[in-house]
Amino acid sequence: MARIRAILRRSNWNEQQQHVDTNAPTLDVDGLQLNTGRQEASFDGKVLDLTGTEFTLLYLLANHLGQVVSRELLSQEVLGKRLTPFDRAIDMHISNLRRKLPNRKDGHPWLKTLRGRGYLMVSAT
């Protein structure tokens, strides 16, 4: 533990973490706010407990609101690797997101699966 603390102290990691931009642009989708500076998602003021990968996946889908995003693109952009046959990593992250996202006020799902094409974030309008 002492070695880790010394490395962190020398790298100024703690100081860098305190200077996170809290005024970073926030993407708002039907009451769901995504703050890139804090890597934080919230709904009606309540912070959602998302992993970094889940946040990045949600943010990418929100940036393409109402558009189909292929599993290949999601794997490349979010996981940093090419999609391989029988790779279910993106599907598992989508499943986890569906469990963690609260119900929408309009009753529509947040995410929709389009078999053989990919996923899309549903727009209320």
N, C-alpha and C. Protein backbone atom coordinates (compact mmCIF):
# COMPACT_ATOMS: atom_id res chain seq x y z
N MET A 1 0.83 -1.19 0.00
CA MET A 1 0.00 0.00 0.00
C MET A 1 0.87 1.25 0.00
N ALA A 2 1.97 1.20 0.72
CA ALA A 2 2.86 2.37 0.78
C ALA A 2 3.45 2.67 -0.59
N ARG A 3 3.80 1.63 -1.32
CA ARG A 3 4.35 1.83 -2.67
C ARG A 3 3.32 2.48 -3.59
N ILE A 4 2.10 2.01 -3.51
CA ILE A 4 1.03 2.57 -4.35
C ILE A 4 0.79 4.02 -3.99
N ARG A 5 0.75 4.34 -2.68
CA ARG A 5 0.56 5.73 -2.26
C ARG A 5 1.70 6.62 -2.76
N ALA A 6 2.91 6.10 -2.69
CA ALA A 6 4.07 6.88 -3.14
C ALA A 6 4.00 7.14 -4.64
N ILE A 7 3.61 6.15 -5.39
CA ILE A 7 3.48 6.33 -6.85
C ILE A 7 2.39 7.34 -7.15
N LEU A 8 1.26 7.23 -6.48
CA LEU A 8 0.17 8.18 -6.69
C LEU A 8 0.59 9.59 -6.30
N ARG A 9 1.32 9.72 -5.19
CA ARG A 9 1.77 11.03 -4.74
C ARG A 9 2.72 11.65 -5.77
N ARG A 10 3.65 10.84 -6.29
CA ARG A 10 4.61 11.35 -7.26
C ARG A 10 3.96 11.71 -8.58
N SER A 11 2.91 11.01 -8.94
CA SER A 11 2.26 11.28 -10.22
C SER A 11 1.19 12.37 -10.11
N ASN A 12 0.98 12.89 -8.91
CA ASN A 12 -0.05 13.92 -8.67
C ASN A 12 -1.42 13.43 -9.07
N TRP A 13 -1.68 12.15 -8.95
CA TRP A 13 -2.95 11.58 -9.35
C TRP A 13 -4.10 12.20 -8.58
N ASN A 14 -3.95 12.36 -7.27
CA ASN A 14 -5.02 12.94 -6.46
C ASN A 14 -5.35 14.35 -6.88
N GLU A 15 -4.33 15.15 -7.20
CA GLU A 15 -4.57 16.52 -7.63
C GLU A 15 -5.28 16.55 -8.97
N GLN A 16 -4.90 15.66 -9.87
CA GLN A 16 -5.54 15.62 -11.18
C GLN A 16 -7.00 15.23 -11.05
N GLN A 17 -7.32 14.32 -10.15
CA GLN A 17 -8.70 13.88 -9.97
C GLN A 17 -9.57 15.00 -9.43
N GLN A 18 -8.99 15.92 -8.65
CA GLN A 18 -9.76 17.00 -8.08
C GLN A 18 -10.07 18.08 -9.10
N HIS A 19 -9.36 18.10 -10.22
CA HIS A 19 -9.56 19.13 -11.24
C HIS A 19 -10.42 18.65 -12.40
N VAL A 20 -11.31 17.72 -12.15
CA VAL A 20 -12.23 17.25 -13.18
C VAL A 20 -13.19 18.38 -13.52
N ASP A 21 -13.45 18.57 -14.80
CA ASP A 21 -14.31 19.66 -15.25
C ASP A 21 -15.77 19.34 -14.93
N THR A 22 -16.27 19.99 -13.89
CA THR A 22 -17.67 19.77 -13.51
C THR A 22 -18.62 20.58 -14.37
N ASN A 23 -18.08 21.49 -15.18
CA ASN A 23 -18.90 22.30 -16.07
C ASN A 23 -18.87 21.76 -17.50
N ALA A 24 -18.45 20.52 -17.66
CA ALA A 24 -18.40 19.91 -18.99
C ALA A 24 -19.80 19.85 -19.57
N PRO A 25 -19.90 19.83 -20.90
CA PRO A 25 -21.23 19.77 -21.51
C PRO A 25 -22.02 18.56 -21.03
N THR A 26 -23.28 18.79 -20.81
CA THR A 26 -24.17 17.72 -20.37
C THR A 26 -25.15 17.42 -21.49
N LEU A 27 -25.26 16.17 -21.82
CA LEU A 27 -26.21 15.72 -22.83
C LEU A 27 -27.49 15.32 -22.11
N ASP A 28 -28.62 15.87 -22.54
CA ASP A 28 -29.90 15.61 -21.88
C ASP A 28 -30.83 14.89 -22.86
N VAL A 29 -31.31 13.72 -22.45
CA VAL A 29 -32.24 12.94 -23.26
C VAL A 29 -33.42 12.56 -22.39
N ASP A 30 -34.53 13.25 -22.58
CA ASP A 30 -35.78 12.93 -21.87
C ASP A 30 -35.60 12.79 -20.36
N GLY A 31 -34.89 13.73 -19.74
CA GLY A 31 -34.68 13.70 -18.30
C GLY A 31 -33.44 12.96 -17.86
N LEU A 32 -32.77 12.28 -18.77
CA LEU A 32 -31.52 11.57 -18.47
C LEU A 32 -30.37 12.51 -18.82
N GLN A 33 -29.58 12.88 -17.81
CA GLN A 33 -28.45 13.77 -18.03
C GLN A 33 -27.14 12.98 -18.01
N LEU A 34 -26.31 13.21 -19.02
CA LEU A 34 -25.01 12.55 -19.13
C LEU A 34 -23.94 13.63 -19.09
N ASN A 35 -23.12 13.63 -18.04
CA ASN A 35 -22.05 14.60 -17.88
C ASN A 35 -20.73 13.92 -18.19
N THR A 36 -20.09 14.35 -19.28
CA THR A 36 -18.85 13.70 -19.71
C THR A 36 -17.68 14.03 -18.80
N GLY A 37 -17.67 15.22 -18.23
CA GLY A 37 -16.56 15.61 -17.35
C GLY A 37 -16.47 14.75 -16.11
N ARG A 38 -17.60 14.38 -15.56
CA ARG A 38 -17.63 13.55 -14.36
C ARG A 38 -17.91 12.08 -14.68
N GLN A 39 -18.14 11.78 -15.96
CA GLN A 39 -18.51 10.41 -16.35
C GLN A 39 -19.67 9.95 -15.48
N GLU A 40 -20.72 10.78 -15.46
CA GLU A 40 -21.83 10.54 -14.55
C GLU A 40 -23.15 10.67 -15.29
N ALA A 41 -24.04 9.74 -15.03
CA ALA A 41 -25.39 9.78 -15.58
C ALA A 41 -26.37 9.94 -14.43
N SER A 42 -27.39 10.78 -14.65
CA SER A 42 -28.41 10.95 -13.62
C SER A 42 -29.78 11.08 -14.27
N PHE A 43 -30.80 10.73 -13.51
CA PHE A 43 -32.17 10.84 -13.98
C PHE A 43 -32.99 11.48 -12.88
N ASP A 44 -33.62 12.60 -13.19
CA ASP A 44 -34.39 13.37 -12.21
C ASP A 44 -33.58 13.67 -10.95
N GLY A 45 -32.31 14.01 -11.14
CA GLY A 45 -31.45 14.37 -10.01
C GLY A 45 -30.82 13.22 -9.27
N LYS A 46 -31.19 11.98 -9.60
CA LYS A 46 -30.64 10.80 -8.93
C LYS A 46 -29.53 10.21 -9.79
N VAL A 47 -28.33 10.10 -9.22
CA VAL A 47 -27.18 9.58 -9.94
C VAL A 47 -27.34 8.07 -10.15
N LEU A 48 -27.08 7.63 -11.38
CA LEU A 48 -27.16 6.21 -11.71
C LEU A 48 -25.81 5.55 -11.48
N ASP A 49 -25.82 4.36 -10.99
CA ASP A 49 -24.59 3.62 -10.68
C ASP A 49 -24.15 2.85 -11.93
N LEU A 50 -23.41 3.55 -12.82
CA LEU A 50 -22.94 2.93 -14.06
C LEU A 50 -21.43 2.76 -14.03
N THR A 51 -20.96 1.70 -14.67
CA THR A 51 -19.53 1.53 -14.84
C THR A 51 -19.07 2.47 -15.95
N GLY A 52 -17.77 2.62 -16.10
CA GLY A 52 -17.23 3.47 -17.16
C GLY A 52 -17.64 3.00 -18.54
N THR A 53 -17.62 1.70 -18.74
CA THR A 53 -18.01 1.14 -20.03
C THR A 53 -19.49 1.38 -20.30
N GLU A 54 -20.32 1.19 -19.29
CA GLU A 54 -21.76 1.41 -19.45
C GLU A 54 -22.04 2.88 -19.76
N PHE A 55 -21.33 3.80 -19.08
CA PHE A 55 -21.52 5.22 -19.35
C PHE A 55 -21.13 5.55 -20.78
N THR A 56 -19.98 5.06 -21.22
CA THR A 56 -19.51 5.33 -22.58
C THR A 56 -20.48 4.78 -23.61
N LEU A 57 -20.99 3.60 -23.38
CA LEU A 57 -21.96 2.98 -24.27
C LEU A 57 -23.24 3.81 -24.34
N LEU A 58 -23.74 4.22 -23.19
CA LEU A 58 -24.95 5.03 -23.12
C LEU A 58 -24.73 6.39 -23.80
N TYR A 59 -23.59 6.99 -23.58
CA TYR A 59 -23.28 8.29 -24.18
C TYR A 59 -23.21 8.18 -25.71
N LEU A 60 -22.59 7.12 -26.20
CA LEU A 60 -22.50 6.92 -27.65
C LEU A 60 -23.88 6.73 -28.27
N LEU A 61 -24.72 5.95 -27.63
CA LEU A 61 -26.08 5.75 -28.13
C LEU A 61 -26.89 7.04 -28.05
N ALA A 62 -26.70 7.83 -26.99
CA ALA A 62 -27.42 9.10 -26.85
C ALA A 62 -26.97 10.10 -27.92
N ASN A 63 -25.70 10.05 -28.29
CA ASN A 63 -25.20 10.93 -29.36
C ASN A 63 -25.79 10.58 -30.71
N HIS A 64 -26.24 9.35 -30.85
CA HIS A 64 -26.88 8.88 -32.09
C HIS A 64 -28.36 8.61 -31.83
N LEU A 65 -29.00 9.49 -31.07
CA LEU A 65 -30.39 9.33 -30.67
C LEU A 65 -31.29 9.08 -31.88
N GLY A 66 -32.06 8.00 -31.83
CA GLY A 66 -32.98 7.68 -32.91
C GLY A 66 -32.32 7.03 -34.12
N GLN A 67 -31.02 6.76 -34.03
CA GLN A 67 -30.29 6.13 -35.13
C GLN A 67 -29.77 4.76 -34.70
N VAL A 68 -29.77 3.83 -35.62
CA VAL A 68 -29.25 2.50 -35.33
C VAL A 68 -27.72 2.56 -35.30
N VAL A 69 -27.15 2.00 -34.24
CA VAL A 69 -25.69 1.92 -34.11
C VAL A 69 -25.34 0.43 -34.11
N SER A 70 -24.47 0.03 -35.02
CA SER A 70 -24.14 -1.38 -35.16
C SER A 70 -23.33 -1.90 -33.98
N ARG A 71 -23.45 -3.17 -33.73
CA ARG A 71 -22.68 -3.82 -32.67
C ARG A 71 -21.19 -3.68 -32.95
N GLU A 72 -20.80 -3.74 -34.23
CA GLU A 72 -19.40 -3.60 -34.60
C GLU A 72 -18.85 -2.25 -34.18
N LEU A 73 -19.61 -1.19 -34.48
CA LEU A 73 -19.17 0.16 -34.11
C LEU A 73 -19.13 0.31 -32.59
N LEU A 74 -20.13 -0.20 -31.89
CA LEU A 74 -20.14 -0.12 -30.44
C LEU A 74 -18.94 -0.83 -29.84
N SER A 75 -18.63 -2.01 -30.34
CA SER A 75 -17.49 -2.77 -29.82
C SER A 75 -16.19 -2.01 -30.07
N GLN A 76 -16.05 -1.46 -31.25
CA GLN A 76 -14.83 -0.74 -31.59
C GLN A 76 -14.68 0.53 -30.75
N GLU A 77 -15.74 1.31 -30.64
CA GLU A 77 -15.68 2.60 -29.95
C GLU A 77 -15.68 2.47 -28.43
N VAL A 78 -16.47 1.54 -27.90
CA VAL A 78 -16.62 1.43 -26.45
C VAL A 78 -15.58 0.50 -25.84
N LEU A 79 -15.39 -0.66 -26.45
CA LEU A 79 -14.48 -1.65 -25.88
C LEU A 79 -13.08 -1.58 -26.48
N GLY A 80 -12.94 -0.87 -27.61
CA GLY A 80 -11.64 -0.73 -28.24
C GLY A 80 -11.16 -1.99 -28.92
N LYS A 81 -12.09 -2.85 -29.33
CA LYS A 81 -11.69 -4.08 -30.01
C LYS A 81 -12.70 -4.42 -31.08
N ARG A 82 -12.24 -5.18 -32.05
CA ARG A 82 -13.13 -5.62 -33.13
C ARG A 82 -14.08 -6.69 -32.61
N LEU A 83 -15.26 -6.69 -33.18
CA LEU A 83 -16.25 -7.70 -32.81
C LEU A 83 -15.86 -9.03 -33.43
N THR A 84 -15.88 -10.07 -32.62
CA THR A 84 -15.56 -11.40 -33.11
C THR A 84 -16.82 -12.25 -33.11
N PRO A 85 -16.83 -13.34 -33.86
CA PRO A 85 -18.01 -14.22 -33.84
C PRO A 85 -18.29 -14.71 -32.43
N PHE A 86 -19.54 -14.77 -32.08
CA PHE A 86 -20.01 -15.24 -30.77
C PHE A 86 -19.62 -14.32 -29.62
N ASP A 87 -19.15 -13.10 -29.91
CA ASP A 87 -18.80 -12.12 -28.87
C ASP A 87 -20.08 -11.48 -28.36
N ARG A 88 -20.36 -11.64 -27.07
CA ARG A 88 -21.59 -11.14 -26.48
C ARG A 88 -21.34 -10.00 -25.49
N ALA A 89 -20.14 -9.43 -25.49
CA ALA A 89 -19.78 -8.41 -24.51
C ALA A 89 -20.70 -7.19 -24.61
N ILE A 90 -20.93 -6.67 -25.81
CA ILE A 90 -21.80 -5.50 -25.98
C ILE A 90 -23.21 -5.84 -25.53
N ASP A 91 -23.69 -7.02 -25.88
CA ASP A 91 -25.03 -7.43 -25.49
C ASP A 91 -25.18 -7.48 -23.96
N MET A 92 -24.14 -7.94 -23.28
CA MET A 92 -24.18 -8.00 -21.82
C MET A 92 -24.19 -6.59 -21.22
N HIS A 93 -23.41 -5.68 -21.79
CA HIS A 93 -23.40 -4.30 -21.29
C HIS A 93 -24.76 -3.63 -21.53
N ILE A 94 -25.37 -3.90 -22.67
CA ILE A 94 -26.71 -3.36 -22.95
C ILE A 94 -27.72 -3.92 -21.95
N SER A 95 -27.62 -5.21 -21.66
CA SER A 95 -28.51 -5.84 -20.69
C SER A 95 -28.35 -5.19 -19.31
N ASN A 96 -27.12 -4.95 -18.91
CA ASN A 96 -26.86 -4.30 -17.63
C ASN A 96 -27.42 -2.88 -17.61
N LEU A 97 -27.26 -2.16 -18.72
CA LEU A 97 -27.81 -0.80 -18.82
C LEU A 97 -29.32 -0.82 -18.68
N ARG A 98 -29.96 -1.75 -19.32
CA ARG A 98 -31.43 -1.83 -19.24
C ARG A 98 -31.89 -2.04 -17.80
N ARG A 99 -31.14 -2.83 -17.04
CA ARG A 99 -31.50 -3.06 -15.64
C ARG A 99 -31.28 -1.80 -14.79
N LYS A 100 -30.25 -1.04 -15.11
CA LYS A 100 -29.88 0.11 -14.28
C LYS A 100 -30.64 1.38 -14.64
N LEU A 101 -31.12 1.49 -15.86
CA LEU A 101 -31.85 2.70 -16.26
C LEU A 101 -33.25 2.66 -15.67
N PRO A 102 -33.71 3.79 -15.12
CA PRO A 102 -35.06 3.83 -14.56
C PRO A 102 -36.11 3.85 -15.67
N ASN A 103 -37.35 3.62 -15.32
CA ASN A 103 -38.44 3.67 -16.29
C ASN A 103 -38.60 5.10 -16.78
N ARG A 104 -38.87 5.24 -18.07
CA ARG A 104 -39.11 6.56 -18.64
C ARG A 104 -40.50 7.03 -18.28
N LYS A 105 -40.65 8.33 -18.28
CA LYS A 105 -41.95 8.93 -17.94
C LYS A 105 -43.01 8.60 -18.99
N ASP A 106 -42.59 8.44 -20.25
CA ASP A 106 -43.55 8.17 -21.32
C ASP A 106 -43.82 6.67 -21.50
N GLY A 107 -43.13 5.83 -20.73
CA GLY A 107 -43.37 4.40 -20.80
C GLY A 107 -42.61 3.67 -21.90
N HIS A 108 -41.93 4.39 -22.78
CA HIS A 108 -41.15 3.77 -23.84
C HIS A 108 -39.83 3.22 -23.27
N PRO A 109 -39.27 2.21 -23.94
CA PRO A 109 -37.97 1.71 -23.48
C PRO A 109 -36.87 2.71 -23.86
N TRP A 110 -35.78 2.71 -23.13
CA TRP A 110 -34.65 3.57 -23.47
C TRP A 110 -33.92 3.04 -24.70
N LEU A 111 -33.72 1.73 -24.72
CA LEU A 111 -32.91 1.10 -25.77
C LEU A 111 -33.73 0.06 -26.50
N LYS A 112 -33.49 -0.02 -27.79
CA LYS A 112 -34.20 -1.00 -28.62
C LYS A 112 -33.17 -1.81 -29.40
N THR A 113 -33.41 -3.12 -29.46
CA THR A 113 -32.54 -4.01 -30.22
C THR A 113 -33.14 -4.23 -31.60
N LEU A 114 -32.34 -4.07 -32.62
CA LEU A 114 -32.75 -4.36 -33.98
C LEU A 114 -31.91 -5.54 -34.47
N ARG A 115 -32.52 -6.68 -34.46
CA ARG A 115 -31.81 -7.93 -34.76
C ARG A 115 -31.04 -7.85 -36.08
N GLY A 116 -29.76 -8.17 -36.00
CA GLY A 116 -28.91 -8.17 -37.18
C GLY A 116 -28.42 -6.79 -37.59
N ARG A 117 -28.90 -5.73 -36.93
CA ARG A 117 -28.48 -4.37 -37.29
C ARG A 117 -27.77 -3.66 -36.16
N GLY A 118 -28.22 -3.81 -34.91
CA GLY A 118 -27.57 -3.15 -33.79
C GLY A 118 -28.57 -2.66 -32.77
N TYR A 119 -28.25 -1.54 -32.13
CA TYR A 119 -29.08 -0.97 -31.08
C TYR A 119 -29.37 0.49 -31.38
N LEU A 120 -30.47 0.98 -30.79
CA LEU A 120 -30.75 2.41 -30.90
C LEU A 120 -31.34 2.90 -29.60
N MET A 121 -31.07 4.17 -29.32
CA MET A 121 -31.68 4.81 -28.17
C MET A 121 -32.94 5.48 -28.67
N VAL A 122 -34.07 5.16 -28.04
CA VAL A 122 -35.38 5.62 -28.50
C VAL A 122 -35.59 7.07 -28.08
N SER A 123 -36.06 7.86 -29.03
CA SER A 123 -36.38 9.25 -28.78
C SER A 123 -37.86 9.37 -28.48
N ALA A 124 -38.21 10.20 -27.49
CA ALA A 124 -39.62 10.38 -27.13
C ALA A 124 -40.37 11.20 -28.17
N THR A 125 -39.64 12.01 -28.91
CA THR A 125 -40.32 12.86 -29.91
C THR A 125 -40.37 12.22 -31.26
